[in-house]
């Protein structure tokens, strides 16, 4: 099974910007690939906020999502809780500033668009991810408060409606994503989901070996997807149940 990934970076000229809960771009890409190659098995992997978007998309579309399987790595799950978590300790506050500055750098690349549909002065003054969201996603999504936006953007709201086999990996000591946000009960009740947590791993940093050059979660996902791809049981629910029994 060969996989080709093409990344094309173009200027944003639409009145639409990325947010932590925006699933339309992913949906458009998946539907296009499915329509173009209807017989090809499609798999998706999301890390960090990308994992939140992937799980939110799967929960929103349910059985209509044309994916054979998915993987969620270091999903923050609850964006509102994550915003609160960013203010707890020195390390969290450090990450909050770093990530906010990274978001502002991206916004500067598309300043014309952001200035037209968001609050550019607020963006420039933002010192946290929550403040950045307050002046971007909250406004473009027409939410009354940033907390309302954060609740809407959280994949934890729809995890119970995921109908595609999905493996989720989170680290308990993740400095960016609070383990308190991990929906243990919801995942346990959904037969399509396998949730694995580790005591250590940082944020996306599941390194292995003395050199630390490899990420063990990559091998886990490869094995999970390989089982899905090679299975003669193409009924998603049946495959998911079998995988839960093996992990």
Protein backbone atom coordinates (compact mmCIF):
# COMPACT_ATOMS: atom_id res chain seq x y z
CA UNK A 1 0.00 0.00 0.00
CA UNK A 2 1.63 3.21 -1.17
CA UNK A 3 0.77 6.59 0.24
CA UNK A 4 1.54 9.96 -1.27
CA UNK A 5 1.10 13.21 0.62
CA UNK A 6 1.18 16.52 -1.23
CA UNK A 7 1.39 19.74 0.73
CA UNK A 8 0.71 22.94 -1.13
CA UNK A 9 1.06 26.28 0.63
CA UNK A 10 -0.89 29.13 -0.89
CA UNK A 11 -2.00 32.53 0.28
CA UNK A 12 -5.30 32.64 2.13
CA UNK A 13 -7.66 34.86 0.14
CA UNK A 14 -10.97 33.65 1.57
CA UNK A 15 -12.91 35.07 4.49
CA UNK A 16 -12.22 31.94 6.48
CA UNK A 17 -9.39 31.21 8.90
CA UNK A 18 -8.17 28.15 10.76
CA UNK A 19 -9.50 27.50 14.25
CA UNK A 20 -9.10 24.65 16.72
CA UNK A 21 -12.58 23.35 15.90
CA UNK A 22 -12.83 24.00 12.15
CA UNK A 23 -13.48 20.68 10.40
CA UNK A 24 -14.64 21.84 6.98
CA UNK A 25 -11.18 21.78 5.39
CA UNK A 26 -10.57 18.20 6.52
CA UNK A 27 -14.05 17.16 5.42
CA UNK A 28 -13.50 18.70 1.98
CA UNK A 29 -10.18 16.91 1.49
CA UNK A 30 -11.51 13.51 2.67
CA UNK A 31 -14.62 13.76 0.51
CA UNK A 32 -12.56 14.77 -2.52
CA UNK A 33 -10.20 11.83 -2.09
CA UNK A 34 -13.10 9.46 -1.55
CA UNK A 35 -14.92 10.69 -4.67
CA UNK A 36 -11.74 10.59 -6.76
CA UNK A 37 -10.64 7.16 -5.50
CA UNK A 38 -13.79 5.49 -4.16
CA UNK A 39 -12.16 2.06 -3.80
CA UNK A 40 -9.10 3.30 -1.91
CA UNK A 41 -9.08 2.79 1.89
CA UNK A 42 -8.60 6.14 3.58
CA UNK A 43 -6.85 6.60 6.93
CA UNK A 44 -6.24 9.79 8.89
CA UNK A 45 -3.81 10.72 11.65
CA UNK A 46 -4.11 13.86 13.76
CA UNK A 47 -1.65 15.20 16.31
CA UNK A 48 -2.27 17.85 18.96
CA UNK A 49 -4.96 20.28 17.74
CA UNK A 50 -5.02 18.29 14.52
CA UNK A 51 -6.19 15.33 16.60
CA UNK A 52 -8.97 17.44 18.08
CA UNK A 53 -10.09 18.44 14.59
CA UNK A 54 -9.96 14.83 13.35
CA UNK A 55 -11.99 13.43 16.26
CA UNK A 56 -14.45 16.32 16.05
CA UNK A 57 -14.91 15.63 12.33
CA UNK A 58 -15.46 11.92 12.98
CA UNK A 59 -17.98 12.70 15.70
CA UNK A 60 -19.84 15.21 13.57
CA UNK A 61 -20.09 12.95 10.52
CA UNK A 62 -20.53 9.65 12.35
CA UNK A 63 -21.19 6.75 9.98
CA UNK A 64 -20.98 9.10 6.99
CA UNK A 65 -17.23 9.65 7.39
CA UNK A 66 -15.62 7.73 4.48
CA UNK A 67 -12.57 6.64 6.48
CA UNK A 68 -11.47 3.11 7.27
CA UNK A 69 -9.63 4.20 10.40
CA UNK A 70 -8.21 7.12 12.33
CA UNK A 71 -5.57 7.91 14.93
CA UNK A 72 -5.56 10.68 17.54
CA UNK A 73 -2.22 11.59 19.12
CA UNK A 74 -2.06 13.95 22.13
CA UNK A 75 -5.54 15.31 21.59
CA UNK A 76 -6.34 18.18 24.02
CA UNK A 77 -9.99 17.01 23.88
CA UNK A 78 -11.50 19.89 25.86
CA UNK A 79 -10.29 23.28 24.59
CA UNK A 80 -11.94 25.18 27.43
CA UNK A 81 -10.26 23.02 30.05
CA UNK A 82 -7.02 23.31 28.11
CA UNK A 83 -7.23 27.09 28.23
CA UNK A 84 -7.57 26.93 32.01
CA UNK A 85 -4.71 24.41 32.20
CA UNK A 86 -2.39 26.82 30.37
CA UNK A 87 -2.51 29.16 33.35
CA UNK A 88 -1.65 26.63 36.07
CA UNK A 89 2.13 26.27 36.14
CA UNK A 90 5.31 27.90 34.90
CA UNK A 91 5.82 25.39 32.10
CA UNK A 92 2.20 25.71 30.93
CA UNK A 93 2.42 29.50 30.92
CA UNK A 94 5.66 29.28 28.92
CA UNK A 95 4.07 27.02 26.32
CA UNK A 96 1.06 29.32 26.21
CA UNK A 97 3.19 32.31 25.25
CA UNK A 98 5.22 30.33 22.71
CA UNK A 99 2.13 28.90 21.02
CA UNK A 100 0.39 32.29 21.01
CA UNK A 101 3.40 33.87 19.31
CA UNK A 102 3.42 31.08 16.73
CA UNK A 103 -0.27 31.71 15.97
CA UNK A 104 0.42 35.43 15.66
CA UNK A 105 3.26 34.73 13.22
CA UNK A 106 0.87 32.73 11.05
CA UNK A 107 -1.70 35.51 11.26
CA UNK A 108 0.89 38.02 10.08
CA UNK A 109 1.34 36.00 6.88
CA UNK A 110 -2.35 36.61 6.16
CA UNK A 111 -2.74 40.00 7.79
CA UNK A 112 -5.09 41.36 5.14
CA UNK A 113 -7.61 38.59 5.78
CA UNK A 114 -7.29 38.65 9.57
CA UNK A 115 -7.60 42.43 9.67
CA UNK A 116 -10.78 42.23 7.60
CA UNK A 117 -12.68 39.54 9.49
CA UNK A 118 -11.12 39.56 12.98
CA UNK A 119 -9.69 42.07 15.48
CA UNK A 120 -6.15 42.82 14.31
CA UNK A 121 -5.29 45.12 17.22
CA UNK A 122 -6.39 42.43 19.64
CA UNK A 123 -4.34 39.82 17.80
CA UNK A 124 -1.20 41.94 18.08
CA UNK A 125 -1.72 42.35 21.84
CA UNK A 126 -2.58 38.69 22.50
CA UNK A 127 -0.29 37.06 25.05
CA UNK A 128 -1.99 33.67 25.22
CA UNK A 129 -3.73 31.17 22.98
CA UNK A 130 -7.03 32.02 24.66
CA UNK A 131 -6.57 35.72 23.90
CA UNK A 132 -5.70 34.91 20.29
CA UNK A 133 -8.87 32.84 19.99
CA UNK A 134 -10.85 35.67 21.56
CA UNK A 135 -9.88 38.01 18.75
CA UNK A 136 -10.07 35.44 15.91
CA UNK A 137 -12.23 32.32 16.22
CA UNK A 138 -14.73 33.89 18.58
CA UNK A 139 -15.35 36.75 16.15
CA UNK A 140 -15.35 34.81 12.90
CA UNK A 141 -17.62 32.17 14.44
CA UNK A 142 -19.93 34.81 15.91
CA UNK A 143 -19.64 33.41 19.43
CA UNK A 144 -20.69 35.58 22.35
CA UNK A 145 -17.69 34.65 24.51
CA UNK A 146 -14.37 32.91 23.98
CA UNK A 147 -15.46 30.19 26.43
CA UNK A 148 -18.46 29.48 24.19
CA UNK A 149 -16.10 29.17 21.25
CA UNK A 150 -13.81 26.83 23.19
CA UNK A 151 -16.73 24.58 24.12
CA UNK A 152 -17.87 24.41 20.50
CA UNK A 153 -14.34 23.61 19.31
CA UNK A 154 -13.87 20.68 21.72
CA UNK A 155 -13.94 17.17 20.26
CA UNK A 156 -14.97 15.73 23.63
CA UNK A 157 -18.54 16.87 22.91
CA UNK A 158 -18.98 14.42 20.04
CA UNK A 159 -16.63 11.54 20.84
CA UNK A 160 -19.60 9.30 21.63
CA UNK A 161 -20.73 9.59 17.98
CA UNK A 162 -17.47 8.34 16.42
CA UNK A 163 -18.37 5.40 14.16
CA UNK A 164 -14.96 4.80 12.56
CA UNK A 165 -12.27 2.61 14.20
CA UNK A 166 -10.13 5.09 16.10
CA UNK A 167 -7.04 4.68 18.26
CA UNK A 168 -6.20 7.48 20.70
CA UNK A 169 -2.88 7.98 22.51
CA UNK A 170 -2.35 10.51 25.29
CA UNK A 171 0.42 11.05 27.85
CA UNK A 172 -0.59 11.71 31.44
CA UNK A 173 2.37 14.09 31.95
CA UNK A 174 1.68 16.08 28.77
CA UNK A 175 2.70 19.69 29.58
CA UNK A 176 0.28 21.10 27.00
CA UNK A 177 -2.82 18.89 27.37
CA UNK A 178 -4.30 18.19 30.79
CA UNK A 179 -4.96 14.51 31.51
CA UNK A 180 -8.13 15.65 33.27
CA UNK A 181 -9.63 16.37 29.85
CA UNK A 182 -9.20 12.81 28.55
CA UNK A 183 -12.71 11.30 28.14
CA UNK A 184 -11.99 7.90 29.67
CA UNK A 185 -15.61 6.93 30.23
CA UNK A 186 -16.82 8.13 26.82
CA UNK A 187 -14.07 6.23 25.02
CA UNK A 188 -14.72 3.13 27.12
CA UNK A 189 -18.39 3.20 26.15
CA UNK A 190 -17.70 3.63 22.42
CA UNK A 191 -16.88 0.25 20.88
CA UNK A 192 -15.16 1.97 17.95
CA UNK A 193 -12.45 3.57 20.08
CA UNK A 194 -9.23 2.25 21.57
CA UNK A 195 -7.76 4.68 24.12
CA UNK A 196 -4.18 4.21 25.33
CA UNK A 197 -2.55 6.43 27.94
CA UNK A 198 1.07 6.47 29.09
CA UNK A 199 2.52 7.94 32.27
CA UNK A 200 5.20 9.76 30.30
CA UNK A 201 5.53 11.08 26.78
CA UNK A 202 5.33 14.83 26.82
CA UNK A 203 3.47 16.41 23.93
CA UNK A 204 3.85 14.29 20.79
CA UNK A 205 7.22 13.25 22.25
CA UNK A 206 6.90 9.47 22.52
CA UNK A 207 10.56 8.86 21.75
CA UNK A 208 12.29 5.48 21.94
CA UNK A 209 15.87 4.21 21.96
CA UNK A 210 19.04 5.82 23.30
CA UNK A 211 19.19 8.29 20.43
CA UNK A 212 15.54 9.27 20.72
CA UNK A 213 15.28 9.59 16.96
CA UNK A 214 12.16 7.46 16.58
CA UNK A 215 8.61 7.88 17.81
CA UNK A 216 7.06 4.62 18.99
CA UNK A 217 3.51 5.82 18.36
CA UNK A 218 4.25 5.75 14.64
CA UNK A 219 4.79 1.98 14.81
CA UNK A 220 1.63 1.55 16.88
CA UNK A 221 -0.47 3.42 14.33
CA UNK A 222 1.15 1.56 11.45
CA UNK A 223 0.24 -1.76 13.08
CA UNK A 224 -3.30 -0.60 13.84
CA UNK A 225 -3.89 0.61 10.29
CA UNK A 226 -2.29 -2.50 8.81
CA UNK A 227 -4.74 -4.71 10.69
CA UNK A 228 -7.63 -2.61 9.43
CA UNK A 229 -6.33 -2.64 5.87
CA UNK A 230 -5.65 -6.37 5.74
CA UNK A 231 -8.84 -7.43 7.48
CA UNK A 232 -11.42 -9.27 5.39
CA UNK A 233 -14.06 -7.88 7.74
CA UNK A 234 -14.65 -4.51 6.15
CA UNK A 235 -17.59 -3.76 8.40
CA UNK A 236 -16.16 -0.94 10.50
CA UNK A 237 -17.93 -1.82 13.74
CA UNK A 238 -16.87 -5.47 13.55
CA UNK A 239 -13.24 -4.55 12.89
CA UNK A 240 -13.23 -2.00 15.69
CA UNK A 241 -14.57 -4.53 18.19
CA UNK A 242 -11.93 -7.06 17.19
CA UNK A 243 -9.18 -4.47 17.59
CA UNK A 244 -10.40 -3.47 21.05
CA UNK A 245 -10.07 -7.11 22.11
CA UNK A 246 -6.46 -7.24 20.89
CA UNK A 247 -5.16 -4.02 22.46
